[in-house]
Structure formats: C-alpha cells, structure tokens
C-alpha cells in the first residue's frame, strides 16, 4: 500500500456505518471492557488494511460511539418519547442502534445538519434493517428534529 492510500481516512459515511456496527455489537454485551477490546484490536479486523478504523484514523466514528454510550440514558428517553406504542426494549436492536446513533447526532452534534443525520440513518436502515425499518426510523427522527427546530424538545405532548 502506498503512503497516499495509507493516509486516507474513511469517509464520514463509512465511519458512521462502522460506528453503527460497533454500537450494534455492544448492544449484546455493553461494558467499558468490550469497547476497549474493540479499540485495541481494531487492526485485526479482516479489512483493516483497506478501511482502517483505528481511533486515530477514524476519529469521527469513535466520537459517535463514545458520544452514544456516554449519553445513552438521555438518548433513550428521547427515543421512548417519540416512539409511540413502542417501548425501548421492544424495538429491534438494528433499529434501536440506528435511532441511538442519529438521535445523538441530532441532540449533541450541531455541526451535522439534521437532514444529513436523518438521511444517513434511513440509509443504514435500508441496508441493515427490514422492509419497514426506514419508515420507522424516519418517522421518529423527523419528530425529534421537528421539535428541536421548534425548540419544543422537552415539552410533553
């Protein structure tokens, strides 16, 4: 691999997808030790030479992962508020992970336009979810984004 290729960072889209995959895997066994193991052994992943997702090379992905984990309670409260008729523990792990990732971006990453967060979440839902995932994810995230836009996020309906 030449130096030019070696220094390329994965795109934000690829980093977001990687963050989703890590968060999804942690949804089965979430603890600080699991995250540290992933960080420490990332270079052993099968495709690490073409898509290096080490914390140094893919800082955006790791910011998303840590941000979701550090704000999980707040994120889940918002998802629960907007997922009418669905309790958090009844939402499929794929959709819940996508919702957590995008809700983190909507609530805590003002540098990312809400439209981008929602579109990327819908794309993840199309790729990893079932036929209804994109509609479910889009509906909840649109509601959260709308209330953020109208400064009504904390107001009960």
Protein backbone atom coordinates (compact mmCIF):
# COMPACT_ATOMS: atom_id res chain seq x y z
CA UNK A 1 0.00 0.00 0.00
CA UNK A 2 1.45 3.38 -0.93
CA UNK A 3 1.67 6.25 1.54
CA UNK A 4 -1.05 8.26 -0.22
CA UNK A 5 -3.60 5.45 0.22
CA UNK A 6 -2.36 4.70 3.74
CA UNK A 7 -3.11 8.23 4.98
CA UNK A 8 -6.67 8.38 3.67
CA UNK A 9 -9.37 8.47 6.28
CA UNK A 10 -12.58 6.58 5.69
CA UNK A 11 -15.44 8.82 4.58
CA UNK A 12 -17.89 10.06 7.21
CA UNK A 13 -20.49 7.73 5.70
CA UNK A 14 -18.17 4.73 6.18
CA UNK A 15 -17.24 5.90 9.67
CA UNK A 16 -20.93 6.26 10.59
CA UNK A 17 -21.56 2.73 9.29
CA UNK A 18 -18.64 1.45 11.34
CA UNK A 19 -19.96 3.28 14.43
CA UNK A 20 -23.35 1.60 13.87
CA UNK A 21 -21.69 -1.83 13.66
CA UNK A 22 -19.70 -1.29 16.85
CA UNK A 23 -22.71 0.05 18.75
CA UNK A 24 -24.85 -2.82 17.46
CA UNK A 25 -22.30 -5.37 18.66
CA UNK A 26 -22.11 -3.63 22.04
CA UNK A 27 -25.90 -3.80 22.39
CA UNK A 28 -25.48 -7.51 23.16
CA UNK A 29 -22.74 -7.04 25.77
CA UNK A 30 -22.26 -3.40 26.62
CA UNK A 31 -19.47 -2.59 29.00
CA UNK A 32 -16.34 -0.48 29.04
CA UNK A 33 -14.14 -3.57 28.66
CA UNK A 34 -15.86 -4.56 25.40
CA UNK A 35 -15.29 -1.12 23.90
CA UNK A 36 -11.63 -1.13 24.97
CA UNK A 37 -11.16 -4.55 23.36
CA UNK A 38 -12.61 -3.30 20.09
CA UNK A 39 -10.38 -0.22 20.16
CA UNK A 40 -7.27 -2.23 20.98
CA UNK A 41 -7.80 -4.97 18.43
CA UNK A 42 -9.29 -2.99 15.55
CA UNK A 43 -6.23 -3.63 13.40
CA UNK A 44 -7.05 -7.35 13.49
CA UNK A 45 -10.36 -6.84 11.69
CA UNK A 46 -10.29 -8.60 8.31
CA UNK A 47 -10.46 -5.47 6.15
CA UNK A 48 -8.34 -3.19 8.32
CA UNK A 49 -5.75 -2.62 5.58
CA UNK A 50 -8.21 -1.03 3.17
CA UNK A 51 -10.52 0.58 5.77
CA UNK A 52 -8.52 1.44 8.83
CA UNK A 53 -10.94 2.35 11.59
CA UNK A 54 -8.44 2.85 14.39
CA UNK A 55 -9.31 5.70 16.79
CA UNK A 56 -6.52 7.77 15.20
CA UNK A 57 -7.70 7.30 11.63
CA UNK A 58 -11.46 7.34 12.17
CA UNK A 59 -11.90 9.92 14.92
CA UNK A 60 -15.44 10.78 13.79
CA UNK A 61 -16.61 7.16 14.21
CA UNK A 62 -15.14 6.92 17.69
CA UNK A 63 -16.64 10.29 18.69
CA UNK A 64 -20.04 8.92 17.67
CA UNK A 65 -19.52 5.64 19.52
CA UNK A 66 -18.35 7.29 22.74
CA UNK A 67 -20.99 10.01 22.48
CA UNK A 68 -23.82 7.49 22.19
CA UNK A 69 -22.51 5.41 25.07
CA UNK A 70 -21.92 8.43 27.33
CA UNK A 71 -25.40 9.87 26.64
CA UNK A 72 -27.35 6.63 26.33
CA UNK A 73 -29.89 7.39 29.05
CA UNK A 74 -30.79 10.80 27.59
CA UNK A 75 -30.90 9.41 24.06
CA UNK A 76 -33.15 6.52 25.08
CA UNK A 77 -35.51 8.91 26.92
CA UNK A 78 -35.98 10.87 23.69
CA UNK A 79 -36.46 7.77 21.58
CA UNK A 80 -39.02 6.44 24.06
CA UNK A 81 -40.91 9.75 23.99
CA UNK A 82 -41.20 9.72 20.20
CA UNK A 83 -41.70 6.01 19.56
CA UNK A 84 -45.37 5.90 20.35
CA UNK A 85 -46.67 2.44 21.21
CA UNK A 86 -43.12 1.03 21.27
CA UNK A 87 -41.13 0.59 24.45
CA UNK A 88 -37.36 0.75 24.06
CA UNK A 89 -36.93 -2.93 24.94
CA UNK A 90 -39.38 -3.90 22.17
CA UNK A 91 -37.61 -2.04 19.37
CA UNK A 92 -35.40 -4.35 17.31
CA UNK A 93 -31.69 -3.89 18.04
CA UNK A 94 -30.88 -2.80 14.49
CA UNK A 95 -33.45 -0.01 14.50
CA UNK A 96 -32.67 0.96 18.10
CA UNK A 97 -28.96 1.25 17.33
CA UNK A 98 -29.65 3.39 14.26
CA UNK A 99 -32.03 5.58 16.28
CA UNK A 100 -29.46 5.98 19.06
CA UNK A 101 -26.75 7.00 16.65
CA UNK A 102 -28.89 9.53 14.79
CA UNK A 103 -30.52 10.88 17.96
CA UNK A 104 -27.07 11.50 19.39
CA UNK A 105 -26.20 13.49 16.27
CA UNK A 106 -29.46 15.46 16.43
CA UNK A 107 -29.10 16.30 20.13
CA UNK A 108 -25.36 16.75 20.55
CA UNK A 109 -23.71 17.38 17.18
CA UNK A 110 -24.83 20.78 15.94
CA UNK A 111 -22.06 20.60 13.32
CA UNK A 112 -24.08 17.93 11.48
CA UNK A 113 -27.24 19.18 9.72
CA UNK A 114 -30.32 17.28 10.94
CA UNK A 115 -31.21 16.38 7.35
CA UNK A 116 -27.83 14.62 6.97
CA UNK A 117 -28.26 12.67 10.22
CA UNK A 118 -31.75 11.56 9.22
CA UNK A 119 -30.78 10.64 5.64
CA UNK A 120 -27.78 8.65 6.83
CA UNK A 121 -29.94 6.85 9.40
CA UNK A 122 -32.52 5.96 6.74
CA UNK A 123 -29.72 4.61 4.52
CA UNK A 124 -28.44 2.47 7.40
CA UNK A 125 -32.00 1.23 7.98
CA UNK A 126 -32.36 0.30 4.31
CA UNK A 127 -29.06 -1.55 4.36
CA UNK A 128 -29.25 -3.32 7.74
CA UNK A 129 -32.93 -3.34 8.67
CA UNK A 130 -36.05 -4.96 7.34
CA UNK A 131 -38.53 -3.57 4.83
CA UNK A 132 -40.27 -1.36 7.44
CA UNK A 133 -37.13 -0.08 9.18
CA UNK A 134 -36.58 3.02 7.07
CA UNK A 135 -40.14 4.29 7.65
CA UNK A 136 -40.00 3.64 11.39
CA UNK A 137 -36.57 5.29 11.79
CA UNK A 138 -37.51 8.24 9.57
CA UNK A 139 -40.74 8.91 11.46
CA UNK A 140 -39.14 9.03 14.89
CA UNK A 141 -36.14 11.09 13.78
CA UNK A 142 -38.30 13.56 11.85
CA UNK A 143 -40.36 14.14 15.00
CA UNK A 144 -37.28 14.70 17.14
CA UNK A 145 -35.75 17.06 14.54
CA UNK A 146 -39.01 18.99 14.20
CA UNK A 147 -39.23 19.56 17.94
CA UNK A 148 -35.58 20.61 18.09
CA UNK A 149 -36.24 23.08 15.27
CA UNK A 150 -39.27 24.50 17.10
CA UNK A 151 -37.48 24.47 20.48
CA UNK A 152 -40.09 22.07 21.88
CA UNK A 153 -37.88 19.06 22.61
CA UNK A 154 -38.59 18.93 26.33
CA UNK A 155 -42.30 19.66 26.07
CA UNK A 156 -44.63 16.73 26.63
CA UNK A 157 -47.36 16.23 24.08
